[in-house]
Amino acid sequence: MNFRHPGAVSSSILSTARLRLRPLRQSDAPAVRGMMSDPEVMRFWDWPPFGDRKTVARIVSGQLGQVAEGSALYWAVCSVTGGPAFGVCDLSDIDTHHRRAEIGFLFAHTHWGQGYASEAMQAIIAHAFGPMDLERLWARFHAGNTASRDLLARLGFSYEGLLKAHILRDGERRDCEIWGRLR
């Protein structure tokens, strides 16, 4: 049994030298749609790329519902100077009883290779292990996604196991790696 307490976790605005991570809002759906419609961004995602406005709006709405029930936090990643979101990060499957959560991130292809994912995730990890008082974070990604593997390793995560044939994508079964980190 997971213990999720609405209001037990809250979205905060997180800031870094270059980034502002603010709570995701419905008006971010067009930026999310831009990321989810890019085949390169979605290459190692559970679903193929898609750009249907209504579908993306429902996804964002569902994520905001998870925030309202206290089971997840979603941030839009923007430049400190303003502008639209070019990434999203999250803590999901938040379990306040066991003091753990899953982390995730998705960034527009145009913003890859600039250290934004690392910078954003460092802020989220500090928030999770600080004000949220979590003790364990974990991440799941498709085997072969070396960029995610390398980022998680730099962030202090380590390999914990393999979920064989965990995802069915484009008619093929894909393995997923699980990586974790303790406070």
C-alpha atoms as a PDB file:
ATOM      1  CA  MET A   1       0.000   0.000   0.000  1.00  0.00           C
ATOM      2  CA  ASN A   2       1.404   3.395  -1.004  1.00  0.00           C
ATOM      3  CA  PHE A   3       0.723   6.299   1.286  1.00  0.00           C
ATOM      4  CA  ARG A   4       0.202   9.429  -0.739  1.00  0.00           C
ATOM      5  CA  HIS A   5      -0.985  12.464   1.075  1.00  0.00           C
ATOM      6  CA  PRO A   6      -2.392  15.349  -0.961  1.00  0.00           C
ATOM      7  CA  GLY A   7      -0.534  18.420   0.127  1.00  0.00           C
ATOM      8  CA  ALA A   8       2.305  16.359   1.635  1.00  0.00           C
ATOM      9  CA  VAL A   9       4.445  17.292  -1.352  1.00  0.00           C
ATOM     10  CA  SER A  10       4.350  20.562  -3.177  1.00  0.00           C
ATOM     11  CA  SER A  11       5.721  21.981  -6.360  1.00  0.00           C
ATOM     12  CA  SER A  12       8.217  24.718  -5.770  1.00  0.00           C
ATOM     13  CA  ILE A  13       9.972  26.981  -8.206  1.00  0.00           C
ATOM     14  CA  LEU A  14      13.550  25.753  -8.421  1.00  0.00           C
ATOM     15  CA  SER A  15      16.334  27.920  -9.808  1.00  0.00           C
ATOM     16  CA  THR A  16      19.836  27.241 -11.057  1.00  0.00           C
ATOM     17  CA  ALA A  17      22.429  29.489 -12.671  1.00  0.00           C
ATOM     18  CA  ARG A  18      20.755  29.161 -16.084  1.00  0.00           C
ATOM     19  CA  LEU A  19      17.377  27.575 -15.464  1.00  0.00           C
ATOM     20  CA  ARG A  20      14.023  28.191 -13.862  1.00  0.00           C
ATOM     21  CA  LEU A  21      12.010  25.075 -13.059  1.00  0.00           C
ATOM     22  CA  ARG A  22       8.433  26.080 -12.383  1.00  0.00           C
ATOM     23  CA  PRO A  23       5.363  23.931 -11.813  1.00  0.00           C
ATOM     24  CA  LEU A  24       3.985  22.576 -15.070  1.00  0.00           C
ATOM     25  CA  ARG A  25       0.743  24.169 -16.217  1.00  0.00           C
ATOM     26  CA  GLN A  26      -1.797  23.418 -18.907  1.00  0.00           C
ATOM     27  CA  SER A  27      -0.460  26.270 -21.040  1.00  0.00           C
ATOM     28  CA  ASP A  28       2.804  24.277 -21.409  1.00  0.00           C
ATOM     29  CA  ALA A  29       1.021  21.712 -23.601  1.00  0.00           C
ATOM     30  CA  PRO A  30       2.281  23.262 -26.902  1.00  0.00           C
ATOM     31  CA  ALA A  31       5.913  23.040 -25.706  1.00  0.00           C
ATOM     32  CA  VAL A  32       5.380  19.466 -24.510  1.00  0.00           C
ATOM     33  CA  ARG A  33       3.767  18.672 -27.865  1.00  0.00           C
ATOM     34  CA  GLY A  34       6.864  19.974 -29.640  1.00  0.00           C
ATOM     35  CA  MET A  35       9.033  17.547 -27.680  1.00  0.00           C
ATOM     36  CA  MET A  36       6.668  14.580 -28.000  1.00  0.00           C
ATOM     37  CA  SER A  37       6.305  15.000 -31.757  1.00  0.00           C
ATOM     38  CA  ASP A  38      10.082  14.839 -32.346  1.00  0.00           C
ATOM     39  CA  PRO A  39      11.199  11.312 -33.362  1.00  0.00           C
ATOM     40  CA  GLU A  40      14.705  11.860 -31.964  1.00  0.00           C
ATOM     41  CA  VAL A  41      13.401  12.994 -28.558  1.00  0.00           C
ATOM     42  CA  MET A  42      10.991  10.048 -28.404  1.00  0.00           C
ATOM     43  CA  ARG A  43      13.464   7.445 -29.685  1.00  0.00           C
ATOM     44  CA  PHE A  44      13.854   5.840 -26.243  1.00  0.00           C
ATOM     45  CA  TRP A  45      10.386   6.635 -24.927  1.00  0.00           C
ATOM     46  CA  ASP A  46       7.609   4.156 -24.122  1.00  0.00           C
ATOM     47  CA  TRP A  47       5.459   5.587 -26.936  1.00  0.00           C
ATOM     48  CA  PRO A  48       6.309   6.576 -30.497  1.00  0.00           C
ATOM     49  CA  PRO A  49       6.306  10.281 -31.352  1.00  0.00           C
ATOM     50  CA  PHE A  50       2.910  11.910 -31.577  1.00  0.00           C
ATOM     51  CA  GLY A  51       1.743  15.462 -31.981  1.00  0.00           C
ATOM     52  CA  ASP A  52      -2.014  15.373 -31.571  1.00  0.00           C
ATOM     53  CA  ARG A  53      -2.957  18.505 -29.592  1.00  0.00           C
ATOM     54  CA  LYS A  54      -5.825  16.841 -27.735  1.00  0.00           C
ATOM     55  CA  THR A  55      -3.716  13.851 -26.703  1.00  0.00           C
ATOM     56  CA  VAL A  56      -0.898  16.021 -25.361  1.00  0.00           C
ATOM     57  CA  ALA A  57      -3.406  18.276 -23.568  1.00  0.00           C
ATOM     58  CA  ARG A  58      -4.872  15.150 -21.898  1.00  0.00           C
ATOM     59  CA  ILE A  59      -1.382  13.980 -20.880  1.00  0.00           C
ATOM     60  CA  VAL A  60      -0.579  17.344 -19.285  1.00  0.00           C
ATOM     61  CA  SER A  61      -3.997  17.402 -17.626  1.00  0.00           C
ATOM     62  CA  GLY A  62      -3.358  13.915 -16.217  1.00  0.00           C
ATOM     63  CA  GLN A  63       0.015  15.002 -14.892  1.00  0.00           C
ATOM     64  CA  LEU A  64      -1.591  17.992 -13.180  1.00  0.00           C
ATOM     65  CA  GLY A  65      -4.133  15.588 -11.657  1.00  0.00           C
ATOM     66  CA  GLN A  66      -1.273  13.511 -10.241  1.00  0.00           C
ATOM     67  CA  VAL A  67       0.158  16.676  -8.688  1.00  0.00           C
ATOM     68  CA  ALA A  68      -3.237  17.496  -7.137  1.00  0.00           C
ATOM     69  CA  GLU A  69      -3.478  14.022  -5.577  1.00  0.00           C
ATOM     70  CA  GLY A  70       0.070  14.245  -4.216  1.00  0.00           C
ATOM     71  CA  SER A  71       1.588  11.390  -6.215  1.00  0.00           C
ATOM     72  CA  ALA A  72       3.830  13.441  -8.540  1.00  0.00           C
ATOM     73  CA  LEU A  73       5.486  16.776  -9.189  1.00  0.00           C
ATOM     74  CA  TYR A  74       6.089  18.071 -12.716  1.00  0.00           C
ATOM     75  CA  TRP A  75       8.258  21.035 -13.638  1.00  0.00           C
ATOM     76  CA  ALA A  76       8.554  22.982 -16.879  1.00  0.00           C
ATOM     77  CA  VAL A  77      12.201  23.844 -17.544  1.00  0.00           C
ATOM     78  CA  CYS A  78      12.759  27.365 -18.900  1.00  0.00           C
ATOM     79  CA  SER A  79      15.643  29.791 -19.206  1.00  0.00           C
ATOM     80  CA  VAL A  80      16.086  32.156 -16.254  1.00  0.00           C
ATOM     81  CA  THR A  81      15.657  34.949 -18.800  1.00  0.00           C
ATOM     82  CA  GLY A  82      12.176  33.697 -19.718  1.00  0.00           C
ATOM     83  CA  GLY A  83      10.627  32.106 -22.746  1.00  0.00           C
ATOM     84  CA  PRO A  84       8.752  28.871 -23.313  1.00  0.00           C
ATOM     85  CA  ALA A  85       9.597  25.544 -21.701  1.00  0.00           C
ATOM     86  CA  PHE A  86      12.228  23.470 -23.486  1.00  0.00           C
ATOM     87  CA  GLY A  87      12.156  20.575 -21.043  1.00  0.00           C
ATOM     88  CA  VAL A  88      10.069  18.845 -18.410  1.00  0.00           C
ATOM     89  CA  CYS A  89      11.248  17.023 -15.309  1.00  0.00           C
ATOM     90  CA  ASP A  90       9.358  15.111 -12.694  1.00  0.00           C
ATOM     91  CA  LEU A  91       9.229  13.207  -9.476  1.00  0.00           C
ATOM     92  CA  SER A  92       6.527  10.579  -9.896  1.00  0.00           C
ATOM     93  CA  ASP A  93       5.226   7.617  -7.964  1.00  0.00           C
ATOM     94  CA  ILE A  94       5.986   9.627  -4.820  1.00  0.00           C
ATOM     95  CA  ASP A  95       5.620   7.457  -1.759  1.00  0.00           C
ATOM     96  CA  THR A  96       5.939   9.550   1.408  1.00  0.00           C
ATOM     97  CA  HIS A  97       5.717   6.515   3.689  1.00  0.00           C
ATOM     98  CA  HIS A  98       8.695   4.764   2.099  1.00  0.00           C
ATOM     99  CA  ARG A  99      10.288   8.145   1.270  1.00  0.00           C
ATOM    100  CA  ARG A 100      10.997   7.388  -2.371  1.00  0.00           C
ATOM    101  CA  ALA A 101      10.117   8.585  -5.876  1.00  0.00           C
ATOM    102  CA  GLU A 102      10.929   7.999  -9.520  1.00  0.00           C
ATOM    103  CA  ILE A 103      12.665  10.783 -11.455  1.00  0.00           C
ATOM    104  CA  GLY A 104      12.236  11.591 -15.118  1.00  0.00           C
ATOM    105  CA  PHE A 105      13.195  14.157 -17.723  1.00  0.00           C
ATOM    106  CA  LEU A 106      12.486  15.072 -21.337  1.00  0.00           C
ATOM    107  CA  PHE A 107      14.201  17.878 -23.250  1.00  0.00           C
ATOM    108  CA  ALA A 108      13.773  19.388 -26.695  1.00  0.00           C
ATOM    109  CA  HIS A 109      16.419  18.112 -29.100  1.00  0.00           C
ATOM    110  CA  THR A 110      17.582  21.690 -29.750  1.00  0.00           C
ATOM    111  CA  HIS A 111      18.673  21.903 -26.095  1.00  0.00           C
ATOM    112  CA  TRP A 112      20.638  18.650 -25.879  1.00  0.00           C
ATOM    113  CA  GLY A 113      24.375  18.648 -25.152  1.00  0.00           C
ATOM    114  CA  GLN A 114      24.342  21.894 -23.164  1.00  0.00           C
ATOM    115  CA  GLY A 115      24.155  20.454 -19.646  1.00  0.00           C
ATOM    116  CA  TYR A 116      20.555  21.533 -19.045  1.00  0.00           C
ATOM    117  CA  ALA A 117      19.311  18.071 -18.043  1.00  0.00           C
ATOM    118  CA  SER A 118      22.145  17.671 -15.543  1.00  0.00           C
ATOM    119  CA  GLU A 119      21.573  21.130 -14.103  1.00  0.00           C
ATOM    120  CA  ALA A 120      17.816  20.630 -13.804  1.00  0.00           C
ATOM    121  CA  MET A 121      18.113  17.164 -12.289  1.00  0.00           C
ATOM    122  CA  GLN A 122      20.648  18.376  -9.703  1.00  0.00           C
ATOM    123  CA  ALA A 123      18.063  20.929  -8.531  1.00  0.00           C
ATOM    124  CA  ILE A 124      15.327  18.292  -8.366  1.00  0.00           C
ATOM    125  CA  ILE A 125      17.540  15.836  -6.485  1.00  0.00           C
ATOM    126  CA  ALA A 126      18.431  18.553  -3.963  1.00  0.00           C
ATOM    127  CA  HIS A 127      14.717  19.331  -3.555  1.00  0.00           C
ATOM    128  CA  ALA A 128      13.823  15.638  -3.154  1.00  0.00           C
ATOM    129  CA  PHE A 129      16.533  14.933  -0.579  1.00  0.00           C
ATOM    130  CA  GLY A 130      16.136  18.325   1.100  1.00  0.00           C
ATOM    131  CA  PRO A 131      12.678  19.825   1.704  1.00  0.00           C
ATOM    132  CA  MET A 132      10.820  16.677   0.633  1.00  0.00           C
ATOM    133  CA  ASP A 133      12.947  14.490   2.931  1.00  0.00           C
ATOM    134  CA  LEU A 134      13.010  11.548   0.510  1.00  0.00           C
ATOM    135  CA  GLU A 135      15.694   8.915   0.954  1.00  0.00           C
ATOM    136  CA  ARG A 136      15.623   7.037  -2.374  1.00  0.00           C
ATOM    137  CA  LEU A 137      15.265   8.041  -6.002  1.00  0.00           C
ATOM    138  CA  TRP A 138      15.121   5.721  -8.979  1.00  0.00           C
ATOM    139  CA  ALA A 139      14.884   6.003 -12.747  1.00  0.00           C
ATOM    140  CA  ARG A 140      13.857   3.682 -15.560  1.00  0.00           C
ATOM    141  CA  PHE A 141      15.036   4.031 -19.144  1.00  0.00           C
ATOM    142  CA  HIS A 142      15.225   1.914 -22.284  1.00  0.00           C
ATOM    143  CA  ALA A 143      18.350  -0.202 -22.634  1.00  0.00           C
ATOM    144  CA  GLY A 144      20.644   1.418 -25.186  1.00  0.00           C
ATOM    145  CA  ASN A 145      19.854   4.975 -24.072  1.00  0.00           C
ATOM    146  CA  THR A 146      23.465   5.832 -23.297  1.00  0.00           C
ATOM    147  CA  ALA A 147      22.734   9.548 -22.787  1.00  0.00           C
ATOM    148  CA  SER A 148      20.333   8.812 -19.901  1.00  0.00           C
ATOM    149  CA  ARG A 149      22.677   6.169 -18.486  1.00  0.00           C
ATOM    150  CA  ASP A 150      25.647   8.544 -18.530  1.00  0.00           C
ATOM    151  CA  LEU A 151      23.640  11.412 -17.018  1.00  0.00           C
ATOM    152  CA  LEU A 152      22.346   9.243 -14.178  1.00  0.00           C
ATOM    153  CA  ALA A 153      25.856   7.936 -13.474  1.00  0.00           C
ATOM    154  CA  ARG A 154      27.182  11.521 -13.265  1.00  0.00           C
ATOM    155  CA  LEU A 155      24.326  12.313 -10.841  1.00  0.00           C
ATOM    156  CA  GLY A 156      25.391   9.509  -8.486  1.00  0.00           C
ATOM    157  CA  PHE A 157      22.892   6.841  -9.558  1.00  0.00           C
ATOM    158  CA  SER A 158      23.986   3.246 -10.027  1.00  0.00           C
ATOM    159  CA  TYR A 159      22.677   0.300 -11.985  1.00  0.00           C
ATOM    160  CA  GLU A 160      20.224  -1.861 -10.044  1.00  0.00           C
ATOM    161  CA  GLY A 161      18.723  -4.218 -12.604  1.00  0.00           C
ATOM    162  CA  LEU A 162      17.146  -5.009 -15.932  1.00  0.00           C
ATOM    163  CA  LEU A 163      13.435  -5.345 -16.689  1.00  0.00           C
ATOM    164  CA  LYS A 164      13.464  -7.775 -19.608  1.00  0.00           C
ATOM    165  CA  ALA A 165      10.977  -7.074 -22.416  1.00  0.00           C
ATOM    166  CA  HIS A 166       9.306  -4.455 -20.203  1.00  0.00           C
ATOM    167  CA  ILE A 167       7.983  -2.193 -22.986  1.00  0.00           C
ATOM    168  CA  LEU A 168       6.208  -3.024 -26.228  1.00  0.00           C
ATOM    169  CA  ARG A 169       7.154  -0.328 -28.723  1.00  0.00           C
ATOM    170  CA  ASP A 170       6.578  -0.444 -32.475  1.00  0.00           C
ATOM    171  CA  GLY A 171       5.871  -4.186 -32.315  1.00  0.00           C
ATOM    172  CA  GLU A 172       9.111  -5.001 -30.485  1.00  0.00           C
ATOM    173  CA  ARG A 173       9.772  -5.754 -26.818  1.00  0.00           C
ATOM    174  CA  ARG A 174      12.330  -3.472 -25.187  1.00  0.00           C
ATOM    175  CA  ASP A 175      14.363  -4.018 -22.043  1.00  0.00           C
ATOM    176  CA  CYS A 176      14.569  -1.243 -19.448  1.00  0.00           C
ATOM    177  CA  GLU A 177      17.329  -0.515 -16.986  1.00  0.00           C
ATOM    178  CA  ILE A 178      16.633   0.548 -13.406  1.00  0.00           C
ATOM    179  CA  TRP A 179      19.086   2.898 -11.726  1.00  0.00           C
ATOM    180  CA  GLY A 180      18.826   4.192  -8.173  1.00  0.00           C
ATOM    181  CA  ARG A 181      20.372   6.528  -5.661  1.00  0.00           C
ATOM    182  CA  LEU A 182      20.130   6.847  -1.914  1.00  0.00           C
ATOM    183  CA  ARG A 183      20.427  10.151  -0.111  1.00  0.00           C
END
